[in-house]
Structure formats: structure tokens, C-alpha cells
């Protein structure tokens, strides 16, 4: 099955759209699923711990925090000043469900606009086992409380892509919305999936935390 990258936030224009997955099987949630949270680079230890709690509380999955992995030159973007998100999730892709968490700026190549480094805050395979979340853009010019609210939603969103969920266009409060170039969409959302997203992944009851 072809793996597709899903960017959560593109700051310079319109979010990239994935290919149609209508014929692909949506992954069902299993309580025995284990998600490995991998700190990438010199990120504060409290953030992996918080993401662990967010994922466990929302999905009911078991999460473990693995050892920190270094930021290496092979995952740098072409400018050498930030990191290429697709390289990150490809490098760390394995048979484990993995959420990589970093505090550095990440980007993707936007083929439609021919922009080599399009700044994002998250990227994941849909469906698949690996995603990456960056705190770099969600922490700027906001309180710690606001930043953590965003981190919670972004982390749950990216795991949702791994489970097979596309961007949601049914309810603006659903965390699977495409933010379409503005972080304000994340702030509008609730810690909640709409009934269409829940149905797609076989999730009956999700708390509004």
C-alpha cells in the first residue's frame, strides 16, 4: 500500500492535498496498540511526557517514551537551516508506531508552488506508523498554556493520520481539520473528533477533554 505524507500546517499558502484514499482500508483502533514517542534533538523532557498523556487519554493506547535520537545532517532540508519532515519520518519508519517530537523547525517540499521548504508543524503517513510533530511554530508569541493546548491537538491529529484519517471538512471543531495555512484553525478546534472521523476508525466514545 502506498504511503502518503500528510502535512498539518503549511504557513505560506494552501495545504497540500493527498491522493484519494477511498479504496484504501481505514485502520481500526486496537487497544493493544503501543505508540513509541521518540524525542528528536534537544527537546525539553516534559514535552514527551505530556504527549504520552495526551495520546493515552484520548485514544486509550499505551505509550512509551524511547531514548532521544540526534538531529543528523541526513535529515536537513536543502538550506541546512531546518529539517525536512519527509526525511525524518522516512528515516525512522519501522514496524513500530512512532511519534517523533522535536523543537526544531521542519519543512516539506511543496511541488505545486515549487517551494523547496514549506514550514509545517506536523507530518505523518496516512495510513502508516510514523509521524513527526514540531513545537517550533506553535510556541511562538503565545503563553505556555496556549502552546500546550496546540501540542495536544497536533499530536492527536498526526496519530489520526497514521490511523488512516484524512483532513476533516465536516465540523470546524474536529481536530482533523486542515488548517489551510493558519494556526487559528487549531485554536478553534476542541479536543474532539466529529462522528464521521470516529466512525472511520471505529472509535465509539471519545471524551471532550
Protein backbone atom coordinates (compact mmCIF):
# COMPACT_ATOMS: atom_id res chain seq x y z
CA UNK A 1 0.00 0.00 0.00
CA UNK A 2 1.38 3.39 -0.96
CA UNK A 3 2.31 5.63 1.93
CA UNK A 4 1.20 9.26 1.71
CA UNK A 5 2.60 12.22 3.59
CA UNK A 6 0.09 14.48 5.35
CA UNK A 7 1.28 17.93 6.44
CA UNK A 8 -0.66 19.51 9.28
CA UNK A 9 0.29 23.14 8.89
CA UNK A 10 1.68 24.99 5.91
CA UNK A 11 2.38 28.63 6.73
CA UNK A 12 2.95 30.09 3.28
CA UNK A 13 -0.19 29.13 1.42
CA UNK A 14 -2.63 26.30 0.83
CA UNK A 15 -2.18 22.92 2.49
CA UNK A 16 -1.12 20.12 0.18
CA UNK A 17 -3.87 17.63 -0.59
CA UNK A 18 -3.24 13.87 -0.60
CA UNK A 19 -4.37 11.44 -3.26
CA UNK A 20 -7.83 9.93 -2.94
CA UNK A 21 -7.86 7.04 -0.47
CA UNK A 22 -11.47 5.97 -0.97
CA UNK A 23 -10.41 2.46 -1.99
CA UNK A 24 -7.95 2.02 0.85
CA UNK A 25 -8.82 0.29 4.08
CA UNK A 26 -9.06 2.53 7.14
CA UNK A 27 -7.14 1.12 10.07
CA UNK A 28 -9.21 0.07 13.08
CA UNK A 29 -8.19 1.18 16.54
CA UNK A 30 -6.92 -1.62 18.76
CA UNK A 31 -6.49 -1.19 22.47
CA UNK A 32 -3.25 -3.18 22.39
CA UNK A 33 -1.62 -0.61 20.13
CA UNK A 34 1.64 0.79 21.54
CA UNK A 35 2.94 4.16 20.39
CA UNK A 36 6.61 4.93 20.82
CA UNK A 37 7.26 8.60 21.49
CA UNK A 38 10.76 9.47 20.34
CA UNK A 39 12.36 12.78 21.38
CA UNK A 40 14.36 14.14 18.46
CA UNK A 41 17.15 16.56 19.30
CA UNK A 42 17.40 18.69 22.43
CA UNK A 43 13.73 18.95 23.33
CA UNK A 44 12.63 19.57 26.92
CA UNK A 45 11.85 16.24 28.61
CA UNK A 46 8.48 17.46 29.84
CA UNK A 47 7.02 17.58 26.33
CA UNK A 48 7.33 13.85 25.51
CA UNK A 49 5.79 13.11 28.90
CA UNK A 50 2.86 15.41 28.12
CA UNK A 51 2.34 13.96 24.64
CA UNK A 52 2.33 10.50 26.20
CA UNK A 53 -0.52 11.58 28.46
CA UNK A 54 -2.43 13.26 25.63
CA UNK A 55 -2.35 10.15 23.42
CA UNK A 56 -3.15 7.72 26.22
CA UNK A 57 -6.07 9.79 27.49
CA UNK A 58 -7.60 10.37 24.08
CA UNK A 59 -7.07 7.10 22.21
CA UNK A 60 -6.56 4.68 25.07
CA UNK A 61 -3.29 3.47 23.54
CA UNK A 62 -0.30 2.53 25.62
CA UNK A 63 2.59 4.94 25.05
CA UNK A 64 6.26 4.52 25.87
CA UNK A 65 8.99 7.13 25.65
CA UNK A 66 12.06 5.87 23.85
CA UNK A 67 15.61 7.18 24.04
CA UNK A 68 16.38 10.54 22.44
CA UNK A 69 17.61 10.44 18.86
CA UNK A 70 20.06 13.01 17.48
CA UNK A 71 19.35 15.51 14.74
CA UNK A 72 21.70 14.45 11.98
CA UNK A 73 22.77 16.05 8.71
CA UNK A 74 20.98 13.47 6.58
CA UNK A 75 17.57 14.86 7.61
CA UNK A 76 18.40 18.52 7.00
CA UNK A 77 16.43 20.47 4.40
CA UNK A 78 18.34 21.89 1.43
CA UNK A 79 19.04 25.23 3.14
CA UNK A 80 20.79 23.46 6.01
CA UNK A 81 18.95 25.68 8.49
CA UNK A 82 15.95 23.48 9.24
CA UNK A 83 14.88 19.88 8.84
CA UNK A 84 13.00 18.03 6.13
CA UNK A 85 9.93 16.39 7.66
CA UNK A 86 9.58 13.72 4.97
CA UNK A 87 13.18 12.67 5.53
CA UNK A 88 12.53 12.39 9.26
CA UNK A 89 9.52 10.09 9.04
CA UNK A 90 11.13 8.02 6.29
CA UNK A 91 14.33 7.56 8.28
CA UNK A 92 12.53 6.47 11.44
CA UNK A 93 9.77 4.47 9.78
CA UNK A 94 9.62 0.89 11.09
CA UNK A 95 7.20 -1.75 12.27
CA UNK A 96 6.67 0.30 15.44
CA UNK A 97 4.03 3.02 15.81
CA UNK A 98 6.23 6.08 16.29
CA UNK A 99 5.60 9.73 17.07
CA UNK A 100 8.77 11.80 16.79
CA UNK A 101 8.78 15.02 18.79
CA UNK A 102 11.18 17.87 18.16
CA UNK A 103 11.60 21.57 18.89
CA UNK A 104 13.33 22.47 15.62
CA UNK A 105 11.70 23.97 12.55
CA UNK A 106 10.55 21.40 9.99
CA UNK A 107 9.52 21.81 6.37
CA UNK A 108 8.39 19.96 3.26
CA UNK A 109 8.83 20.48 -0.48
CA UNK A 110 5.68 21.98 -2.00
CA UNK A 111 5.53 20.63 -5.54
CA UNK A 112 2.51 22.72 -6.53
CA UNK A 113 4.13 26.04 -5.65
CA UNK A 114 7.68 24.80 -6.27
CA UNK A 115 8.73 25.96 -2.82
CA UNK A 116 11.60 23.88 -1.50
CA UNK A 117 10.97 24.50 2.17
CA UNK A 118 7.37 24.97 3.23
CA UNK A 119 7.17 25.38 7.01
CA UNK A 120 4.92 22.93 8.87
CA UNK A 121 4.28 21.70 12.40
CA UNK A 122 3.46 18.08 11.69
CA UNK A 123 3.68 15.36 9.09
CA UNK A 124 2.56 11.76 9.03
CA UNK A 125 2.00 8.76 6.82
CA UNK A 126 -1.67 8.11 6.01
CA UNK A 127 -2.18 5.33 6.87
CA UNK A 128 1.07 4.23 8.44
CA UNK A 129 3.09 4.01 11.60
CA UNK A 130 5.22 7.14 11.76
CA UNK A 131 4.64 10.85 12.26
CA UNK A 132 6.59 13.88 13.44
CA UNK A 133 5.45 16.89 15.46
CA UNK A 134 7.42 20.10 15.99
CA UNK A 135 6.85 22.63 18.77
CA UNK A 136 8.77 25.34 16.88
CA UNK A 137 5.83 27.15 15.28
CA UNK A 138 3.17 26.50 17.91
CA UNK A 139 5.14 28.08 20.76
CA UNK A 140 5.94 31.44 19.19
CA UNK A 141 4.40 34.55 20.79
CA UNK A 142 1.94 32.60 22.96
CA UNK A 143 1.63 31.51 26.57
CA UNK A 144 2.76 28.07 27.72
CA UNK A 145 -0.87 27.13 28.24
CA UNK A 146 -1.77 28.00 24.65
CA UNK A 147 1.28 26.18 23.34
CA UNK A 148 0.38 23.01 25.25
CA UNK A 149 -3.21 23.16 24.01
CA UNK A 150 -1.87 23.25 20.45
CA UNK A 151 0.62 20.46 21.14
CA UNK A 152 -2.18 18.23 22.40
CA UNK A 153 -4.30 18.78 19.29
CA UNK A 154 -1.41 18.45 16.83
CA UNK A 155 -0.21 15.20 18.38
CA UNK A 156 -3.68 13.64 18.31
CA UNK A 157 -4.15 14.91 14.73
CA UNK A 158 -0.98 13.28 13.44
CA UNK A 159 -1.76 9.94 15.07
CA UNK A 160 -5.17 10.24 13.41
CA UNK A 161 -3.45 10.39 10.02
CA UNK A 162 -1.45 7.28 10.88
CA UNK A 163 -4.74 5.55 11.65
CA UNK A 164 -5.99 6.45 8.18
CA UNK A 165 -7.93 9.67 8.73
CA UNK A 166 -7.85 12.34 6.04
CA UNK A 167 -8.42 16.01 6.79
CA UNK A 168 -11.96 16.66 8.00
CA UNK A 169 -14.36 19.05 6.26
CA UNK A 170 -17.43 18.13 8.29
CA UNK A 171 -17.04 20.08 11.54
CA UNK A 172 -14.71 23.03 12.19
CA UNK A 173 -14.28 21.92 15.80
CA UNK A 174 -12.93 18.49 14.82
CA UNK A 175 -9.18 18.09 15.35
CA UNK A 176 -8.73 16.51 11.93
CA UNK A 177 -9.40 19.76 10.09
CA UNK A 178 -6.93 21.01 7.51
CA UNK A 179 -5.70 24.29 8.98
CA UNK A 180 -5.27 25.76 5.48
CA UNK A 181 -2.34 27.98 6.28
CA UNK A 182 -3.49 29.47 9.58
CA UNK A 183 -2.77 28.29 13.09
CA UNK A 184 -6.04 29.94 14.15
CA UNK A 185 -7.86 26.81 13.00
CA UNK A 186 -6.07 24.77 15.65
CA UNK A 187 -7.11 27.26 18.32
CA UNK A 188 -10.75 27.00 17.16
CA UNK A 189 -10.82 23.22 17.50
CA UNK A 190 -11.83 21.19 20.51
CA UNK A 191 -10.06 18.08 21.81
CA UNK A 192 -12.66 16.06 19.95
CA UNK A 193 -13.36 14.07 16.76
CA UNK A 194 -16.59 14.51 14.86
CA UNK A 195 -18.81 11.44 14.44
CA UNK A 196 -17.63 10.91 10.84
CA UNK A 197 -13.98 10.68 11.89
CA UNK A 198 -14.86 8.45 14.84
CA UNK A 199 -16.81 6.14 12.57
CA UNK A 200 -13.96 5.84 10.07
CA UNK A 201 -11.59 4.45 12.67
CA UNK A 202 -14.12 2.51 14.69
CA UNK A 203 -13.96 4.78 17.71
CA UNK A 204 -17.25 4.98 19.59
CA UNK A 205 -16.67 7.22 22.56
CA UNK A 206 -14.07 9.95 22.66
CA UNK A 207 -14.00 12.29 25.63
CA UNK A 208 -14.04 16.02 25.18
CA UNK A 209 -11.09 16.68 27.48
